Amino acid sequence: MEISWIPQFRQYVSDVRSEIRKVVWPTKKETITTTVVVFSMVVLMSLFLWLVDVILSMLVHWIVR
């Protein structure tokens, strides 16, 4: 009884290792810069959405009064 999936699995692992060698990993500086940009955008969007929420809340409160 031959197990036919073993050669396929070995080929798959070989292909994965080959592809990983082709990956260009970011430098530490690029990673830090990207992290700071993403964090800054999250903070800015949070503040913007908070402001919109406050304004709409005030508007609804004024209309309902």
PDB file of N, CA and C in Angstrom:
ATOM      1  N   MET A   1       0.850  -1.186   0.000  1.00  0.00           N
ATOM      2  CA  MET A   1       0.000   0.000   0.000  1.00  0.00           C
ATOM      3  C   MET A   1       0.895   1.250   0.000  1.00  0.00           C
ATOM      4  N   GLU A   2       0.785   2.011  -1.039  1.00  0.00           N
ATOM      5  CA  GLU A   2       1.612   3.208  -1.182  1.00  0.00           C
ATOM      6  C   GLU A   2       0.816   4.448  -0.793  1.00  0.00           C
ATOM      7  N   ILE A   3       1.484   5.325  -0.103  1.00  0.00           N
ATOM      8  CA  ILE A   3       0.837   6.574   0.300  1.00  0.00           C
ATOM      9  C   ILE A   3       1.206   7.616  -0.753  1.00  0.00           C
ATOM     10  N   SER A   4       0.230   8.009  -1.534  1.00  0.00           N
ATOM     11  CA  SER A   4       0.509   8.869  -2.693  1.00  0.00           C
ATOM     12  C   SER A   4       0.614  10.352  -2.349  1.00  0.00           C
ATOM     13  N   TRP A   5       0.176  10.744  -1.186  1.00  0.00           N
ATOM     14  CA  TRP A   5       0.189  12.170  -0.868  1.00  0.00           C
ATOM     15  C   TRP A   5       1.540  12.647  -0.347  1.00  0.00           C
ATOM     16  N   ILE A   6       2.408  11.745   0.075  1.00  0.00           N
ATOM     17  CA  ILE A   6       3.703  12.146   0.635  1.00  0.00           C
ATOM     18  C   ILE A   6       4.580  12.873  -0.387  1.00  0.00           C
ATOM     19  N   PRO A   7       4.734  12.373  -1.611  1.00  0.00           N
ATOM     20  CA  PRO A   7       5.537  13.129  -2.585  1.00  0.00           C
ATOM     21  C   PRO A   7       4.942  14.504  -2.900  1.00  0.00           C
ATOM     22  N   GLN A   8       3.628  14.564  -2.947  1.00  0.00           N
ATOM     23  CA  GLN A   8       2.977  15.854  -3.203  1.00  0.00           C
ATOM     24  C   GLN A   8       3.226  16.824  -2.051  1.00  0.00           C
ATOM     25  N   PHE A   9       3.169  16.312  -0.844  1.00  0.00           N
ATOM     26  CA  PHE A   9       3.420  17.151   0.322  1.00  0.00           C
ATOM     27  C   PHE A   9       4.864  17.643   0.333  1.00  0.00           C
ATOM     28  N   ARG A  10       5.802  16.783   0.003  1.00  0.00           N
ATOM     29  CA  ARG A  10       7.208  17.184  -0.060  1.00  0.00           C
ATOM     30  C   ARG A  10       7.415  18.268  -1.111  1.00  0.00           C
ATOM     31  N   GLN A  11       6.758  18.120  -2.247  1.00  0.00           N
ATOM     32  CA  GLN A  11       6.866  19.133  -3.297  1.00  0.00           C
ATOM     33  C   GLN A  11       6.272  20.457  -2.828  1.00  0.00           C
ATOM     34  N   TYR A  12       5.149  20.369  -2.140  1.00  0.00           N
ATOM     35  CA  TYR A  12       4.511  21.572  -1.599  1.00  0.00           C
ATOM     36  C   TYR A  12       5.449  22.302  -0.637  1.00  0.00           C
ATOM     37  N   VAL A  13       6.047  21.568   0.283  1.00  0.00           N
ATOM     38  CA  VAL A  13       6.967  22.170   1.260  1.00  0.00           C
ATOM     39  C   VAL A  13       8.167  22.779   0.538  1.00  0.00           C
ATOM     40  N   SER A  14       8.664  22.089  -0.458  1.00  0.00           N
ATOM     41  CA  SER A  14       9.781  22.623  -1.247  1.00  0.00           C
ATOM     42  C   SER A  14       9.392  23.925  -1.940  1.00  0.00           C
ATOM     43  N   ASP A  15       8.194  23.947  -2.519  1.00  0.00           N
ATOM     44  CA  ASP A  15       7.714  25.162  -3.193  1.00  0.00           C
ATOM     45  C   ASP A  15       7.541  26.318  -2.206  1.00  0.00           C
ATOM     46  N   VAL A  16       7.023  26.022  -1.045  1.00  0.00           N
ATOM     47  CA  VAL A  16       6.819  27.060  -0.025  1.00  0.00           C
ATOM     48  C   VAL A  16       8.162  27.651   0.395  1.00  0.00           C
ATOM     49  N   ARG A  17       9.138  26.805   0.630  1.00  0.00           N
ATOM     50  CA  ARG A  17      10.470  27.286   1.032  1.00  0.00           C
ATOM     51  C   ARG A  17      11.082  28.151  -0.069  1.00  0.00           C
ATOM     52  N   SER A  18      10.872  27.728  -1.305  1.00  0.00           N
ATOM     53  CA  SER A  18      11.394  28.501  -2.430  1.00  0.00           C
ATOM     54  C   SER A  18      10.748  29.887  -2.498  1.00  0.00           C
ATOM     55  N   GLU A  19       9.448  29.943  -2.286  1.00  0.00           N
ATOM     56  CA  GLU A  19       8.739  31.229  -2.336  1.00  0.00           C
ATOM     57  C   GLU A  19       9.128  32.125  -1.164  1.00  0.00           C
ATOM     58  N   ILE A  20       9.338  31.540  -0.001  1.00  0.00           N
ATOM     59  CA  ILE A  20       9.722  32.340   1.169  1.00  0.00           C
ATOM     60  C   ILE A  20      11.079  32.995   0.946  1.00  0.00           C
ATOM     61  N   ARG A  21      11.956  32.334   0.240  1.00  0.00           N
ATOM     62  CA  ARG A  21      13.264  32.936  -0.054  1.00  0.00           C
ATOM     63  C   ARG A  21      13.137  34.162  -0.954  1.00  0.00           C
ATOM     64  N   LYS A  22      12.057  34.249  -1.721  1.00  0.00           N
ATOM     65  CA  LYS A  22      11.853  35.376  -2.644  1.00  0.00           C
ATOM     66  C   LYS A  22      11.242  36.599  -1.955  1.00  0.00           C
ATOM     67  N   VAL A  23      10.715  36.420  -0.762  1.00  0.00           N
ATOM     68  CA  VAL A  23      10.037  37.507  -0.062  1.00  0.00           C
ATOM     69  C   VAL A  23      11.056  38.574   0.329  1.00  0.00           C
ATOM     70  N   VAL A  24      10.683  39.829   0.096  1.00  0.00           N
ATOM     71  CA  VAL A  24      11.518  40.947   0.528  1.00  0.00           C
ATOM     72  C   VAL A  24      10.894  41.487   1.813  1.00  0.00           C
ATOM     73  N   TRP A  25      11.553  41.208   2.928  1.00  0.00           N
ATOM     74  CA  TRP A  25      11.024  41.609   4.212  1.00  0.00           C
ATOM     75  C   TRP A  25      11.336  43.085   4.469  1.00  0.00           C
ATOM     76  N   PRO A  26      10.419  43.805   5.117  1.00  0.00           N
ATOM     77  CA  PRO A  26      10.674  45.226   5.392  1.00  0.00           C
ATOM     78  C   PRO A  26      11.782  45.399   6.435  1.00  0.00           C
ATOM     79  N   THR A  27      12.428  46.538   6.329  1.00  0.00           N
ATOM     80  CA  THR A  27      13.457  46.846   7.323  1.00  0.00           C
ATOM     81  C   THR A  27      12.779  47.295   8.616  1.00  0.00           C
ATOM     82  N   LYS A  28      13.569  47.393   9.667  1.00  0.00           N
ATOM     83  CA  LYS A  28      13.030  47.837  10.957  1.00  0.00           C
ATOM     84  C   LYS A  28      12.478  49.253  10.833  1.00  0.00           C
ATOM     85  N   LYS A  29      13.191  50.110  10.106  1.00  0.00           N
ATOM     86  CA  LYS A  29      12.757  51.498   9.927  1.00  0.00           C
ATOM     87  C   LYS A  29      11.425  51.557   9.168  1.00  0.00           C
ATOM     88  N   GLU A  30      11.289  50.757   8.121  1.00  0.00           N
ATOM     89  CA  GLU A  30      10.035  50.735   7.353  1.00  0.00           C
ATOM     90  C   GLU A  30       8.873  50.248   8.215  1.00  0.00           C
ATOM     91  N   THR A  31       9.136  49.245   9.022  1.00  0.00           N
ATOM     92  CA  THR A  31       8.092  48.702   9.894  1.00  0.00           C
ATOM     93  C   THR A  31       7.642  49.737  10.916  1.00  0.00           C
ATOM     94  N   ILE A  32       8.596  50.420  11.522  1.00  0.00           N
ATOM     95  CA  ILE A  32       8.257  51.447  12.518  1.00  0.00           C
ATOM     96  C   ILE A  32       7.493  52.599  11.862  1.00  0.00           C
ATOM     97  N   THR A  33       7.961  53.037  10.697  1.00  0.00           N
ATOM     98  CA  THR A  33       7.298  54.135   9.989  1.00  0.00           C
ATOM     99  C   THR A  33       5.859  53.766   9.631  1.00  0.00           C
ATOM    100  N   THR A  34       5.674  52.584   9.100  1.00  0.00           N
ATOM    101  CA  THR A  34       4.333  52.144   8.727  1.00  0.00           C
ATOM    102  C   THR A  34       3.432  52.035   9.958  1.00  0.00           C
ATOM    103  N   THR A  35       3.968  51.536  11.039  1.00  0.00           N
ATOM    104  CA  THR A  35       3.196  51.416  12.280  1.00  0.00           C
ATOM    105  C   THR A  35       2.768  52.786  12.790  1.00  0.00           C
ATOM    106  N   VAL A  36       3.665  53.745  12.755  1.00  0.00           N
ATOM    107  CA  VAL A  36       3.343  55.099  13.212  1.00  0.00           C
ATOM    108  C   VAL A  36       2.270  55.723  12.317  1.00  0.00           C
ATOM    109  N   VAL A  37       2.383  55.539  11.020  1.00  0.00           N
ATOM    110  CA  VAL A  37       1.388  56.094  10.095  1.00  0.00           C
ATOM    111  C   VAL A  37       0.014  55.474  10.356  1.00  0.00           C
ATOM    112  N   VAL A  38      -0.032  54.164  10.499  1.00  0.00           N
ATOM    113  CA  VAL A  38      -1.311  53.485  10.744  1.00  0.00           C
ATOM    114  C   VAL A  38      -1.908  53.943  12.076  1.00  0.00           C
ATOM    115  N   PHE A  39      -1.107  53.994  13.108  1.00  0.00           N
ATOM    116  CA  PHE A  39      -1.600  54.431  14.411  1.00  0.00           C
ATOM    117  C   PHE A  39      -2.119  55.871  14.349  1.00  0.00           C
ATOM    118  N   SER A  40      -1.391  56.738  13.660  1.00  0.00           N
ATOM    119  CA  SER A  40      -1.812  58.136  13.522  1.00  0.00           C
ATOM    120  C   SER A  40      -3.144  58.241  12.796  1.00  0.00           C
ATOM    121  N   MET A  41      -3.306  57.468  11.742  1.00  0.00           N
ATOM    122  CA  MET A  41      -4.565  57.507  10.990  1.00  0.00           C
ATOM    123  C   MET A  41      -5.726  56.982  11.838  1.00  0.00           C
ATOM    124  N   VAL A  42      -5.473  55.983  12.631  1.00  0.00           N
ATOM    125  CA  VAL A  42      -6.516  55.451  13.513  1.00  0.00           C
ATOM    126  C   VAL A  42      -6.942  56.518  14.516  1.00  0.00           C
ATOM    127  N   VAL A  43      -5.988  57.214  15.088  1.00  0.00           N
ATOM    128  CA  VAL A  43      -6.304  58.276  16.050  1.00  0.00           C
ATOM    129  C   VAL A  43      -7.081  59.406  15.360  1.00  0.00           C
ATOM    130  N   LEU A  44      -6.617  59.820  14.181  1.00  0.00           N
ATOM    131  CA  LEU A  44      -7.309  60.896  13.451  1.00  0.00           C
ATOM    132  C   LEU A  44      -8.739  60.507  13.078  1.00  0.00           C
ATOM    133  N   MET A  45      -8.912  59.303  12.583  1.00  0.00           N
ATOM    134  CA  MET A  45     -10.261  58.862  12.215  1.00  0.00           C
ATOM    135  C   MET A  45     -11.152  58.733  13.447  1.00  0.00           C
ATOM    136  N   SER A  46     -10.589  58.298  14.546  1.00  0.00           N
ATOM    137  CA  SER A  46     -11.365  58.192  15.785  1.00  0.00           C
ATOM    138  C   SER A  46     -11.848  59.572  16.228  1.00  0.00           C
ATOM    139  N   LEU A  47     -10.959  60.541  16.176  1.00  0.00           N
ATOM    140  CA  LEU A  47     -11.348  61.904  16.548  1.00  0.00           C
ATOM    141  C   LEU A  47     -12.395  62.468  15.595  1.00  0.00           C
ATOM    142  N   PHE A  48     -12.223  62.230  14.321  1.00  0.00           N
ATOM    143  CA  PHE A  48     -13.194  62.703  13.331  1.00  0.00           C
ATOM    144  C   PHE A  48     -14.569  62.078  13.577  1.00  0.00           C
ATOM    145  N   LEU A  49     -14.607  60.788  13.762  1.00  0.00           N
ATOM    146  CA  LEU A  49     -15.887  60.107  13.985  1.00  0.00           C
ATOM    147  C   LEU A  49     -16.518  60.530  15.308  1.00  0.00           C
ATOM    148  N   TRP A  50     -15.695  60.761  16.311  1.00  0.00           N
ATOM    149  CA  TRP A  50     -16.226  61.255  17.584  1.00  0.00           C
ATOM    150  C   TRP A  50     -16.871  62.630  17.384  1.00  0.00           C
ATOM    151  N   LEU A  51     -16.198  63.484  16.630  1.00  0.00           N
ATOM    152  CA  LEU A  51     -16.733  64.824  16.376  1.00  0.00           C
ATOM    153  C   LEU A  51     -18.047  64.748  15.589  1.00  0.00           C
ATOM    154  N   VAL A  52     -18.105  63.920  14.575  1.00  0.00           N
ATOM    155  CA  VAL A  52     -19.340  63.753  13.809  1.00  0.00           C
ATOM    156  C   VAL A  52     -20.450  63.225  14.716  1.00  0.00           C
ATOM    157  N   ASP A  53     -20.128  62.290  15.571  1.00  0.00           N
ATOM    158  CA  ASP A  53     -21.120  61.741  16.493  1.00  0.00           C
ATOM    159  C   ASP A  53     -21.659  62.821  17.428  1.00  0.00           C
ATOM    160  N   VAL A  54     -20.779  63.640  17.959  1.00  0.00           N
ATOM    161  CA  VAL A  54     -21.206  64.712  18.870  1.00  0.00           C
ATOM    162  C   VAL A  54     -22.109  65.700  18.132  1.00  0.00           C
ATOM    163  N   ILE A  55     -21.715  66.086  16.946  1.00  0.00           N
ATOM    164  CA  ILE A  55     -22.510  67.058  16.172  1.00  0.00           C
ATOM    165  C   ILE A  55     -23.879  66.482  15.830  1.00  0.00           C
ATOM    166  N   LEU A  56     -23.907  65.245  15.357  1.00  0.00           N
ATOM    167  CA  LEU A  56     -25.201  64.635  15.018  1.00  0.00           C
ATOM    168  C   LEU A  56     -26.062  64.432  16.258  1.00  0.00           C
ATOM    169  N   SER A  57     -25.438  64.085  17.340  1.00  0.00           N
ATOM    170  CA  SER A  57     -26.179  63.913  18.587  1.00  0.00           C
ATOM    171  C   SER A  57     -26.805  65.230  19.031  1.00  0.00           C
ATOM    172  N   MET A  58     -26.039  66.301  18.937  1.00  0.00           N
ATOM    173  CA  MET A  58     -26.571  67.625  19.293  1.00  0.00           C
ATOM    174  C   MET A  58     -27.702  68.018  18.352  1.00  0.00           C
ATOM    175  N   LEU A  59     -27.543  67.730  17.088  1.00  0.00           N
ATOM    176  CA  LEU A  59     -28.568  68.049  16.101  1.00  0.00           C
ATOM    177  C   LEU A  59     -29.860  67.300  16.392  1.00  0.00           C
ATOM    178  N   VAL A  60     -29.763  66.027  16.662  1.00  0.00           N
ATOM    179  CA  VAL A  60     -30.943  65.220  16.964  1.00  0.00           C
ATOM    180  C   VAL A  60     -31.596  65.721  18.260  1.00  0.00           C
ATOM    181  N   HIS A  61     -30.781  66.017  19.240  1.00  0.00           N
ATOM    182  CA  HIS A  61     -31.318  66.536  20.506  1.00  0.00           C
ATOM    183  C   HIS A  61     -32.047  67.853  20.269  1.00  0.00           C
ATOM    184  N   TRP A  62     -31.502  68.716  19.453  1.00  0.00           N
ATOM    185  CA  TRP A  62     -32.131  70.006  19.152  1.00  0.00           C
ATOM    186  C   TRP A  62     -33.450  69.813  18.397  1.00  0.00           C
ATOM    187  N   ILE A  63     -33.481  68.854  17.448  1.00  0.00           N
ATOM    188  CA  ILE A  63     -34.705  68.596  16.676  1.00  0.00           C
ATOM    189  C   ILE A  63     -35.796  67.999  17.567  1.00  0.00           C
ATOM    190  N   VAL A  64     -35.450  67.078  18.427  1.00  0.00           N
ATOM    191  CA  VAL A  64     -36.412  66.394  19.264  1.00  0.00           C
ATOM    192  C   VAL A  64     -36.989  67.325  20.327  1.00  0.00           C
ATOM    193  N   ARG A  65     -36.245  68.261  20.765  1.00  0.00           N
ATOM    194  CA  ARG A  65     -36.719  69.198  21.803  1.00  0.00           C
ATOM    195  C   ARG A  65     -37.941  69.841  21.382  1.00  0.00           C
TER     196      ARG A  65
END
